[in-house]
C-alpha atoms as a PDB file:
ATOM      1  CA  UNK A   1       0.000   0.000   0.000  1.00  0.00           C
ATOM      2  CA  UNK A   2       1.361   3.474  -0.823  1.00  0.00           C
ATOM      3  CA  UNK A   3       2.476   5.747   2.002  1.00  0.00           C
ATOM      4  CA  UNK A   4       0.702   9.076   2.531  1.00  0.00           C
ATOM      5  CA  UNK A   5       2.639  12.153   1.415  1.00  0.00           C
ATOM      6  CA  UNK A   6       5.265  13.696   3.660  1.00  0.00           C
ATOM      7  CA  UNK A   7       4.801  17.183   5.125  1.00  0.00           C
ATOM      8  CA  UNK A   8       6.026  19.921   2.780  1.00  0.00           C
ATOM      9  CA  UNK A   9       8.461  21.413   5.298  1.00  0.00           C
ATOM     10  CA  UNK A  10      11.665  19.322   5.602  1.00  0.00           C
ATOM     11  CA  UNK A  11      12.249  18.131   9.148  1.00  0.00           C
ATOM     12  CA  UNK A  12      15.163  16.150  10.528  1.00  0.00           C
ATOM     13  CA  UNK A  13      15.768  14.771  13.993  1.00  0.00           C
ATOM     14  CA  UNK A  14      18.379  13.476  16.397  1.00  0.00           C
ATOM     15  CA  UNK A  15      17.273  10.852  18.884  1.00  0.00           C
ATOM     16  CA  UNK A  16      19.932   9.716  21.368  1.00  0.00           C
ATOM     17  CA  UNK A  17      19.421   7.172  24.126  1.00  0.00           C
ATOM     18  CA  UNK A  18      20.349   8.582  27.565  1.00  0.00           C
ATOM     19  CA  UNK A  19      22.790   5.794  28.430  1.00  0.00           C
ATOM     20  CA  UNK A  20      25.809   8.086  28.759  1.00  0.00           C
ATOM     21  CA  UNK A  21      27.241  11.382  27.513  1.00  0.00           C
ATOM     22  CA  UNK A  22      27.364  12.233  23.834  1.00  0.00           C
ATOM     23  CA  UNK A  23      30.294  10.443  22.183  1.00  0.00           C
ATOM     24  CA  UNK A  24      32.045  11.016  18.821  1.00  0.00           C
ATOM     25  CA  UNK A  25      29.859   8.611  16.836  1.00  0.00           C
ATOM     26  CA  UNK A  26      26.718  10.296  18.130  1.00  0.00           C
ATOM     27  CA  UNK A  27      28.044  13.724  17.172  1.00  0.00           C
ATOM     28  CA  UNK A  28      28.660  12.563  13.584  1.00  0.00           C
ATOM     29  CA  UNK A  29      24.987  11.538  13.361  1.00  0.00           C
ATOM     30  CA  UNK A  30      23.781  14.739  15.025  1.00  0.00           C
ATOM     31  CA  UNK A  31      25.896  17.019  12.850  1.00  0.00           C
ATOM     32  CA  UNK A  32      24.968  15.187   9.644  1.00  0.00           C
ATOM     33  CA  UNK A  33      21.273  15.325  10.454  1.00  0.00           C
ATOM     34  CA  UNK A  34      21.410  18.986  11.515  1.00  0.00           C
ATOM     35  CA  UNK A  35      23.317  20.053   8.392  1.00  0.00           C
ATOM     36  CA  UNK A  36      20.944  18.262   6.028  1.00  0.00           C
ATOM     37  CA  UNK A  37      17.861  19.733   7.684  1.00  0.00           C
ATOM     38  CA  UNK A  38      19.189  23.290   7.951  1.00  0.00           C
ATOM     39  CA  UNK A  39      20.709  23.200   4.447  1.00  0.00           C
ATOM     40  CA  UNK A  40      17.219  22.431   3.090  1.00  0.00           C
ATOM     41  CA  UNK A  41      15.705  25.303   5.093  1.00  0.00           C
ATOM     42  CA  UNK A  42      13.901  22.856   7.337  1.00  0.00           C
ATOM     43  CA  UNK A  43      13.411  22.151  11.007  1.00  0.00           C
ATOM     44  CA  UNK A  44      15.466  19.930  13.272  1.00  0.00           C
ATOM     45  CA  UNK A  45      14.043  18.203  16.320  1.00  0.00           C
ATOM     46  CA  UNK A  46      15.539  16.368  19.283  1.00  0.00           C
ATOM     47  CA  UNK A  47      14.021  13.337  20.964  1.00  0.00           C
ATOM     48  CA  UNK A  48      15.315  11.445  23.993  1.00  0.00           C
ATOM     49  CA  UNK A  49      14.736   7.724  23.409  1.00  0.00           C
ATOM     50  CA  UNK A  50      14.339   6.585  27.003  1.00  0.00           C
ATOM     51  CA  UNK A  51      11.765   3.799  26.730  1.00  0.00           C
ATOM     52  CA  UNK A  52      14.203   1.404  28.419  1.00  0.00           C
ATOM     53  CA  UNK A  53      14.271   3.037  31.852  1.00  0.00           C
ATOM     54  CA  UNK A  54      16.630   0.415  33.293  1.00  0.00           C
ATOM     55  CA  UNK A  55      19.437   1.454  30.915  1.00  0.00           C
ATOM     56  CA  UNK A  56      19.107   5.201  31.509  1.00  0.00           C
ATOM     57  CA  UNK A  57      22.045   6.872  33.236  1.00  0.00           C
ATOM     58  CA  UNK A  58      21.096   9.696  35.612  1.00  0.00           C
ATOM     59  CA  UNK A  59      21.960  13.081  34.104  1.00  0.00           C
ATOM     60  CA  UNK A  60      22.887  11.640  30.693  1.00  0.00           C
ATOM     61  CA  UNK A  61      20.094  13.359  28.765  1.00  0.00           C
ATOM     62  CA  UNK A  62      20.946  16.707  30.350  1.00  0.00           C
ATOM     63  CA  UNK A  63      24.611  16.271  29.412  1.00  0.00           C
ATOM     64  CA  UNK A  64      23.730  15.305  25.833  1.00  0.00           C
ATOM     65  CA  UNK A  65      21.564  18.394  25.388  1.00  0.00           C
ATOM     66  CA  UNK A  66      24.275  20.579  26.894  1.00  0.00           C
ATOM     67  CA  UNK A  67      26.782  19.256  24.347  1.00  0.00           C
ATOM     68  CA  UNK A  68      24.403  19.941  21.458  1.00  0.00           C
ATOM     69  CA  UNK A  69      23.937  23.513  22.709  1.00  0.00           C
ATOM     70  CA  UNK A  70      27.694  23.966  23.095  1.00  0.00           C
ATOM     71  CA  UNK A  71      28.154  22.848  19.486  1.00  0.00           C
ATOM     72  CA  UNK A  72      25.550  25.336  18.263  1.00  0.00           C
ATOM     73  CA  UNK A  73      23.249  22.545  17.027  1.00  0.00           C
ATOM     74  CA  UNK A  74      20.005  24.332  17.791  1.00  0.00           C
ATOM     75  CA  UNK A  75      16.692  22.505  17.599  1.00  0.00           C
ATOM     76  CA  UNK A  76      13.069  23.449  17.029  1.00  0.00           C
ATOM     77  CA  UNK A  77      10.265  22.913  19.519  1.00  0.00           C
ATOM     78  CA  UNK A  78      10.335  21.049  22.796  1.00  0.00           C
ATOM     79  CA  UNK A  79      12.547  18.055  23.431  1.00  0.00           C
ATOM     80  CA  UNK A  80      10.347  14.938  23.251  1.00  0.00           C
ATOM     81  CA  UNK A  81      10.905  12.125  25.755  1.00  0.00           C
ATOM     82  CA  UNK A  82       9.645   8.676  24.894  1.00  0.00           C
ATOM     83  CA  UNK A  83       9.058   7.895  28.570  1.00  0.00           C
ATOM     84  CA  UNK A  84       6.129  10.344  28.495  1.00  0.00           C
ATOM     85  CA  UNK A  85       4.480   8.866  25.388  1.00  0.00           C
ATOM     86  CA  UNK A  86       3.067   5.509  26.509  1.00  0.00           C
ATOM     87  CA  UNK A  87      -0.475   6.457  25.483  1.00  0.00           C
ATOM     88  CA  UNK A  88       0.626   7.229  21.911  1.00  0.00           C
ATOM     89  CA  UNK A  89       2.326   3.852  21.536  1.00  0.00           C
ATOM     90  CA  UNK A  90      -0.640   2.046  23.087  1.00  0.00           C
ATOM     91  CA  UNK A  91      -3.032   3.581  20.545  1.00  0.00           C
ATOM     92  CA  UNK A  92      -0.850   2.400  17.673  1.00  0.00           C
ATOM     93  CA  UNK A  93      -0.565  -1.072  19.196  1.00  0.00           C
ATOM     94  CA  UNK A  94      -4.324  -1.297  19.766  1.00  0.00           C
ATOM     95  CA  UNK A  95      -4.913  -0.470  16.097  1.00  0.00           C
ATOM     96  CA  UNK A  96      -2.479  -3.148  14.925  1.00  0.00           C
ATOM     97  CA  UNK A  97      -4.126  -5.708  17.211  1.00  0.00           C
ATOM     98  CA  UNK A  98      -7.632  -4.745  16.082  1.00  0.00           C
ATOM     99  CA  UNK A  99      -6.639  -5.009  12.419  1.00  0.00           C
ATOM    100  CA  UNK A 100      -5.101  -8.439  12.942  1.00  0.00           C
ATOM    101  CA  UNK A 101      -1.555  -7.282  12.203  1.00  0.00           C
ATOM    102  CA  UNK A 102      -0.285  -7.944  15.727  1.00  0.00           C
ATOM    103  CA  UNK A 103      -0.709 -10.868  18.121  1.00  0.00           C
ATOM    104  CA  UNK A 104       0.086 -11.921  21.669  1.00  0.00           C
ATOM    105  CA  UNK A 105       3.116 -14.213  21.783  1.00  0.00           C
ATOM    106  CA  UNK A 106       3.885 -16.546  24.700  1.00  0.00           C
ATOM    107  CA  UNK A 107       7.101 -17.939  23.184  1.00  0.00           C
ATOM    108  CA  UNK A 108      10.114 -17.936  25.473  1.00  0.00           C
ATOM    109  CA  UNK A 109      13.625 -17.198  24.235  1.00  0.00           C
ATOM    110  CA  UNK A 110      14.602 -20.815  24.761  1.00  0.00           C
ATOM    111  CA  UNK A 111      11.634 -22.026  22.703  1.00  0.00           C
ATOM    112  CA  UNK A 112      12.551 -19.680  19.860  1.00  0.00           C
ATOM    113  CA  UNK A 113      16.221 -20.643  20.079  1.00  0.00           C
ATOM    114  CA  UNK A 114      15.193 -24.239  19.417  1.00  0.00           C
ATOM    115  CA  UNK A 115      13.698 -23.202  16.046  1.00  0.00           C
ATOM    116  CA  UNK A 116      16.530 -20.923  14.954  1.00  0.00           C
ATOM    117  CA  UNK A 117      15.682 -17.833  17.012  1.00  0.00           C
ATOM    118  CA  UNK A 118      13.228 -16.334  14.494  1.00  0.00           C
ATOM    119  CA  UNK A 119       9.454 -16.316  15.029  1.00  0.00           C
ATOM    120  CA  UNK A 120       7.600 -17.192  11.841  1.00  0.00           C
ATOM    121  CA  UNK A 121       3.938 -18.142  11.774  1.00  0.00           C
ATOM    122  CA  UNK A 122       2.362 -20.111  14.648  1.00  0.00           C
ATOM    123  CA  UNK A 123       3.847 -19.711  18.120  1.00  0.00           C
ATOM    124  CA  UNK A 124       6.011 -22.519  19.471  1.00  0.00           C
ATOM    125  CA  UNK A 125       5.182 -21.784  23.115  1.00  0.00           C
ATOM    126  CA  UNK A 126       4.464 -24.813  25.304  1.00  0.00           C
ATOM    127  CA  UNK A 127       1.947 -22.875  27.364  1.00  0.00           C
ATOM    128  CA  UNK A 128       0.762 -19.388  28.368  1.00  0.00           C
ATOM    129  CA  UNK A 129       3.141 -17.016  30.115  1.00  0.00           C
ATOM    130  CA  UNK A 130       2.160 -14.349  32.645  1.00  0.00           C
ATOM    131  CA  UNK A 131       4.246 -11.812  30.703  1.00  0.00           C
ATOM    132  CA  UNK A 132       3.677 -12.366  26.963  1.00  0.00           C
ATOM    133  CA  UNK A 133       5.158 -10.153  24.271  1.00  0.00           C
ATOM    134  CA  UNK A 134       3.217  -8.647  21.389  1.00  0.00           C
ATOM    135  CA  UNK A 135       4.598  -9.143  17.887  1.00  0.00           C
ATOM    136  CA  UNK A 136       3.850  -7.865  14.419  1.00  0.00           C
ATOM    137  CA  UNK A 137       2.678 -10.577  12.054  1.00  0.00           C
ATOM    138  CA  UNK A 138       4.976 -10.737   9.002  1.00  0.00           C
ATOM    139  CA  UNK A 139       3.475 -12.688   6.121  1.00  0.00           C
ATOM    140  CA  UNK A 140       5.600 -15.036   3.965  1.00  0.00           C
ATOM    141  CA  UNK A 141       7.033 -13.188   0.983  1.00  0.00           C
ATOM    142  CA  UNK A 142       6.954  -9.772   2.683  1.00  0.00           C
ATOM    143  CA  UNK A 143       9.748  -7.769   1.067  1.00  0.00           C
ATOM    144  CA  UNK A 144      10.465  -4.094   1.718  1.00  0.00           C
ATOM    145  CA  UNK A 145      12.600  -1.942  -0.587  1.00  0.00           C
ATOM    146  CA  UNK A 146      13.590   1.698  -0.210  1.00  0.00           C
ATOM    147  CA  UNK A 147      16.104   4.144  -1.622  1.00  0.00           C
ATOM    148  CA  UNK A 148      18.745   5.367   0.797  1.00  0.00           C
ATOM    149  CA  UNK A 149      20.078   8.722  -0.421  1.00  0.00           C
ATOM    150  CA  UNK A 150      23.640   7.645   0.331  1.00  0.00           C
ATOM    151  CA  UNK A 151      23.624   3.879  -0.190  1.00  0.00           C
ATOM    152  CA  UNK A 152      21.153   3.434  -3.029  1.00  0.00           C
ATOM    153  CA  UNK A 153      18.488   0.754  -3.302  1.00  0.00           C
ATOM    154  CA  UNK A 154      18.078  -1.423  -0.201  1.00  0.00           C
ATOM    155  CA  UNK A 155      15.794  -4.460  -0.095  1.00  0.00           C
ATOM    156  CA  UNK A 156      15.060  -6.960   2.654  1.00  0.00           C
ATOM    157  CA  UNK A 157      12.962 -10.125   2.848  1.00  0.00           C
ATOM    158  CA  UNK A 158      11.374  -9.454   6.225  1.00  0.00           C
ATOM    159  CA  UNK A 159       9.781 -12.875   6.567  1.00  0.00           C
ATOM    160  CA  UNK A 160      13.016 -14.744   5.859  1.00  0.00           C
ATOM    161  CA  UNK A 161      15.464 -12.410   7.611  1.00  0.00           C
ATOM    162  CA  UNK A 162      13.460 -11.024  10.551  1.00  0.00           C
ATOM    163  CA  UNK A 163      10.169 -12.859  11.025  1.00  0.00           C
ATOM    164  CA  UNK A 164       7.420 -11.695  13.376  1.00  0.00           C
ATOM    165  CA  UNK A 165       9.079  -8.922  15.378  1.00  0.00           C
ATOM    166  CA  UNK A 166       8.369  -7.546  18.829  1.00  0.00           C
ATOM    167  CA  UNK A 167       6.271  -4.409  19.358  1.00  0.00           C
ATOM    168  CA  UNK A 168       5.939  -4.632  23.128  1.00  0.00           C
ATOM    169  CA  UNK A 169       8.414  -6.660  25.089  1.00  0.00           C
ATOM    170  CA  UNK A 170       7.577  -9.339  27.644  1.00  0.00           C
ATOM    171  CA  UNK A 171       8.745  -6.983  30.409  1.00  0.00           C
ATOM    172  CA  UNK A 172       6.133  -4.441  29.291  1.00  0.00           C
ATOM    173  CA  UNK A 173       8.563  -2.002  27.641  1.00  0.00           C
ATOM    174  CA  UNK A 174       7.924  -0.650  24.163  1.00  0.00           C
ATOM    175  CA  UNK A 175      10.103  -1.959  21.361  1.00  0.00           C
ATOM    176  CA  UNK A 176      12.229   0.578  19.511  1.00  0.00           C
ATOM    177  CA  UNK A 177      10.611  -0.176  16.145  1.00  0.00           C
ATOM    178  CA  UNK A 178       7.099   0.845  17.206  1.00  0.00           C
ATOM    179  CA  UNK A 179       8.141   3.837  19.297  1.00  0.00           C
ATOM    180  CA  UNK A 180      10.328   5.423  16.622  1.00  0.00           C
ATOM    181  CA  UNK A 181       7.638   5.078  13.943  1.00  0.00           C
ATOM    182  CA  UNK A 182       4.982   6.747  16.101  1.00  0.00           C
ATOM    183  CA  UNK A 183       7.378   9.492  17.214  1.00  0.00           C
ATOM    184  CA  UNK A 184       8.637  10.344  13.725  1.00  0.00           C
ATOM    185  CA  UNK A 185       5.091  10.705  12.454  1.00  0.00           C
ATOM    186  CA  UNK A 186       3.980  12.845  15.401  1.00  0.00           C
ATOM    187  CA  UNK A 187       7.031  15.114  15.067  1.00  0.00           C
ATOM    188  CA  UNK A 188       6.546  15.567  11.310  1.00  0.00           C
ATOM    189  CA  UNK A 189       9.946  14.046  10.501  1.00  0.00           C
ATOM    190  CA  UNK A 190      10.657  13.833   6.773  1.00  0.00           C
ATOM    191  CA  UNK A 191      14.428  13.142   6.832  1.00  0.00           C
ATOM    192  CA  UNK A 192      15.855  10.303   8.929  1.00  0.00           C
ATOM    193  CA  UNK A 193      19.631  10.782   8.989  1.00  0.00           C
ATOM    194  CA  UNK A 194      21.349   8.335  11.327  1.00  0.00           C
ATOM    195  CA  UNK A 195      24.138   5.780  11.604  1.00  0.00           C
ATOM    196  CA  UNK A 196      24.396   2.754   9.338  1.00  0.00           C
ATOM    197  CA  UNK A 197      23.957   0.446  12.342  1.00  0.00           C
ATOM    198  CA  UNK A 198      20.223   1.169  12.061  1.00  0.00           C
ATOM    199  CA  UNK A 199      20.000   0.364   8.351  1.00  0.00           C
ATOM    200  CA  UNK A 200      18.641  -3.116   9.103  1.00  0.00           C
ATOM    201  CA  UNK A 201      15.791  -1.625  11.175  1.00  0.00           C
ATOM    202  CA  UNK A 202      14.462   0.555   8.374  1.00  0.00           C
ATOM    203  CA  UNK A 203      12.414  -2.101   6.501  1.00  0.00           C
ATOM    204  CA  UNK A 204      10.602  -3.006   9.731  1.00  0.00           C
ATOM    205  CA  UNK A 205       9.794   0.624  10.338  1.00  0.00           C
ATOM    206  CA  UNK A 206       8.546   1.103   6.778  1.00  0.00           C
ATOM    207  CA  UNK A 207       6.230  -1.899   7.136  1.00  0.00           C
ATOM    208  CA  UNK A 208       4.818  -0.450  10.361  1.00  0.00           C
ATOM    209  CA  UNK A 209       4.335   2.943   8.716  1.00  0.00           C
ATOM    210  CA  UNK A 210       2.363   1.348   5.902  1.00  0.00           C
ATOM    211  CA  UNK A 211       0.167  -0.678   8.242  1.00  0.00           C
ATOM    212  CA  UNK A 212      -0.533   2.374  10.425  1.00  0.00           C
ATOM    213  CA  UNK A 213      -1.136   4.684   7.446  1.00  0.00           C
ATOM    214  CA  UNK A 214       1.839   6.897   8.324  1.00  0.00           C
ATOM    215  CA  UNK A 215       4.202   8.641   5.887  1.00  0.00           C
ATOM    216  CA  UNK A 216       7.622   7.104   5.280  1.00  0.00           C
ATOM    217  CA  UNK A 217      10.511   9.567   5.701  1.00  0.00           C
ATOM    218  CA  UNK A 218      13.478   9.762   3.363  1.00  0.00           C
ATOM    219  CA  UNK A 219      16.583   8.010   4.685  1.00  0.00           C
ATOM    220  CA  UNK A 220      20.319   8.593   4.866  1.00  0.00           C
ATOM    221  CA  UNK A 221      22.465   6.115   6.790  1.00  0.00           C
ATOM    222  CA  UNK A 222      25.810   7.662   7.648  1.00  0.00           C
ATOM    223  CA  UNK A 223      29.130   5.826   8.020  1.00  0.00           C
ATOM    224  CA  UNK A 224      30.049   4.652  11.484  1.00  0.00           C
ATOM    225  CA  UNK A 225      33.106   5.496  13.499  1.00  0.00           C
ATOM    226  CA  UNK A 226      35.037   2.332  14.353  1.00  0.00           C
ATOM    227  CA  UNK A 227      37.900   1.642  16.699  1.00  0.00           C
ATOM    228  CA  UNK A 228      41.199   0.024  15.724  1.00  0.00           C
ATOM    229  CA  UNK A 229      39.605  -3.441  16.024  1.00  0.00           C
ATOM    230  CA  UNK A 230      36.848  -2.472  13.587  1.00  0.00           C
ATOM    231  CA  UNK A 231      34.137  -2.278  16.253  1.00  0.00           C
ATOM    232  CA  UNK A 232      31.493   0.436  16.192  1.00  0.00           C
ATOM    233  CA  UNK A 233      32.603   3.284  18.437  1.00  0.00           C
ATOM    234  CA  UNK A 234      30.047   3.483  21.248  1.00  0.00           C
ATOM    235  CA  UNK A 235      29.552   4.188  24.916  1.00  0.00           C
ATOM    236  CA  UNK A 236      29.605   0.435  25.637  1.00  0.00           C
ATOM    237  CA  UNK A 237      33.156   0.263  24.265  1.00  0.00           C
ATOM    238  CA  UNK A 238      34.298   3.200  26.336  1.00  0.00           C
ATOM    239  CA  UNK A 239      34.128   5.893  23.660  1.00  0.00           C
ATOM    240  CA  UNK A 240      35.335   9.164  25.131  1.00  0.00           C
ATOM    241  CA  UNK A 241      32.762  11.768  26.100  1.00  0.00           C
ATOM    242  CA  UNK A 242      32.950  15.114  24.327  1.00  0.00           C
ATOM    243  CA  UNK A 243      33.947  18.340  26.079  1.00  0.00           C
ATOM    244  CA  UNK A 244      31.239  21.048  25.929  1.00  0.00           C
ATOM    245  CA  UNK A 245      33.808  23.633  27.064  1.00  0.00           C
ATOM    246  CA  UNK A 246      35.787  23.087  23.849  1.00  0.00           C
ATOM    247  CA  UNK A 247      33.406  21.828  21.136  1.00  0.00           C
ATOM    248  CA  UNK A 248      35.228  22.997  18.005  1.00  0.00           C
ATOM    249  CA  UNK A 249      37.792  20.134  17.826  1.00  0.00           C
ATOM    250  CA  UNK A 250      34.976  17.598  18.080  1.00  0.00           C
ATOM    251  CA  UNK A 251      32.958  19.399  15.395  1.00  0.00           C
ATOM    252  CA  UNK A 252      35.967  19.505  13.083  1.00  0.00           C
ATOM    253  CA  UNK A 253      36.471  15.768  13.567  1.00  0.00           C
ATOM    254  CA  UNK A 254      32.793  15.025  12.906  1.00  0.00           C
ATOM    255  CA  UNK A 255      32.923  17.232   9.814  1.00  0.00           C
ATOM    256  CA  UNK A 256      35.952  15.259   8.610  1.00  0.00           C
ATOM    257  CA  UNK A 257      34.124  11.973   9.287  1.00  0.00           C
ATOM    258  CA  UNK A 258      31.386  13.231   6.966  1.00  0.00           C
ATOM    259  CA  UNK A 259      33.983  13.560   4.207  1.00  0.00           C
ATOM    260  CA  UNK A 260      33.905  17.355   4.047  1.00  0.00           C
ATOM    261  CA  UNK A 261      36.766  19.666   3.034  1.00  0.00           C
ATOM    262  CA  UNK A 262      38.505  21.452   5.947  1.00  0.00           C
ATOM    263  CA  UNK A 263      37.141  24.815   7.064  1.00  0.00           C
ATOM    264  CA  UNK A 264      39.449  27.702   7.999  1.00  0.00           C
ATOM    265  CA  UNK A 265      37.360  29.204  10.792  1.00  0.00           C
ATOM    266  CA  UNK A 266      38.767  29.280  14.340  1.00  0.00           C
ATOM    267  CA  UNK A 267      35.635  30.570  16.113  1.00  0.00           C
ATOM    268  CA  UNK A 268      32.570  28.381  16.695  1.00  0.00           C
ATOM    269  CA  UNK A 269      29.981  30.701  15.159  1.00  0.00           C
ATOM    270  CA  UNK A 270      32.115  31.356  12.106  1.00  0.00           C
ATOM    271  CA  UNK A 271      32.809  27.648  11.684  1.00  0.00           C
ATOM    272  CA  UNK A 272      29.109  26.853  12.013  1.00  0.00           C
ATOM    273  CA  UNK A 273      28.207  29.403   9.314  1.00  0.00           C
ATOM    274  CA  UNK A 274      30.914  28.070   7.000  1.00  0.00           C
ATOM    275  CA  UNK A 275      29.756  24.495   7.555  1.00  0.00           C
ATOM    276  CA  UNK A 276      26.189  25.364   6.568  1.00  0.00           C
ATOM    277  CA  UNK A 277      27.389  27.183   3.455  1.00  0.00           C
ATOM    278  CA  UNK A 278      29.879  24.537   2.306  1.00  0.00           C
ATOM    279  CA  UNK A 279      28.292  21.243   3.333  1.00  0.00           C
ATOM    280  CA  UNK A 280      28.201  18.842   0.379  1.00  0.00           C
ATOM    281  CA  UNK A 281      26.224  15.598   0.938  1.00  0.00           C
ATOM    282  CA  UNK A 282      27.853  14.097  -2.160  1.00  0.00           C
ATOM    283  CA  UNK A 283      31.153  13.966  -0.260  1.00  0.00           C
ATOM    284  CA  UNK A 284      29.837  11.714   2.545  1.00  0.00           C
ATOM    285  CA  UNK A 285      31.670   8.363   2.384  1.00  0.00           C
ATOM    286  CA  UNK A 286      29.829   5.061   2.422  1.00  0.00           C
ATOM    287  CA  UNK A 287      32.643   3.047   3.985  1.00  0.00           C
ATOM    288  CA  UNK A 288      33.031   2.570   7.723  1.00  0.00           C
ATOM    289  CA  UNK A 289      36.797   3.071   7.848  1.00  0.00           C
ATOM    290  CA  UNK A 290      38.779   2.591  11.081  1.00  0.00           C
ATOM    291  CA  UNK A 291      39.315   5.683  13.174  1.00  0.00           C
ATOM    292  CA  UNK A 292      41.926   6.481  15.794  1.00  0.00           C
ATOM    293  CA  UNK A 293      40.039   6.901  19.078  1.00  0.00           C
ATOM    294  CA  UNK A 294      42.807   8.828  20.843  1.00  0.00           C
ATOM    295  CA  UNK A 295      42.946  11.681  18.350  1.00  0.00           C
ATOM    296  CA  UNK A 296      39.664  11.059  16.537  1.00  0.00           C
ATOM    297  CA  UNK A 297      41.199  11.286  13.101  1.00  0.00           C
ATOM    298  CA  UNK A 298      41.191   8.778  10.270  1.00  0.00           C
ATOM    299  CA  UNK A 299      43.856   6.143  10.806  1.00  0.00           C
ATOM    300  CA  UNK A 300      46.702   5.987   8.282  1.00  0.00           C
ATOM    301  CA  UNK A 301      46.107   3.620   5.380  1.00  0.00           C
END
């Protein structure tokens, strides 16, 4: 089924999880998203993805917002917090259940592991559980294709590769896939610019958008920063936090990670203006090359 049209005004977003301070990989995603939205004369919104309360680090969201402000990455409207949006997700889930697209699943992880770890078709549960999950029903042959503005045509066989995926977890928490789809629609997001680690999630989100009658944003999946071992640079691997008292070196490094030509400015406001004027999306690399964590510069070939 075709998606409804997107809003006319371009709108990007940055949606960090509050599990630690902003790190270099997050800043690459934030800067790329901000530049693309502002370059198109559009809006840019910020959302705190805190549905998993157990993983939230106290003060992390405040520190992330402070770093964005220090970098001059201004946003439009109020900061949205997923933890305050349960009713919105419940309405979407109720619709999917009523339309027969979602179902209650009593399968345990061990039961699914015995059949390859992917839920397809009838449940394999041996009996009811007091804490069932709710999954989206993915029909055999369901394939989703979309055009990523950086990586070209992407296609995934959702039934074969993903199966029936979780919308609400057995512990009662909302799954990322449902929450992000509802939030993007409610915030009027038209441009999803984020790291390539989320590329695999996009077909699931597009399927949900179609079933809920929501518009599908345009997508750009940026290259990831990786450490010397080739692992995605992240808070879980001890990626260094950024210094809001001296944001320009971090911005220069993020700009370089986006494949852009060096800028001469030494002052933050001047650099920011030059970046907006000279940003060229065609220069963004598609490879996830290794990066030196200590100096945050591309490692020698």
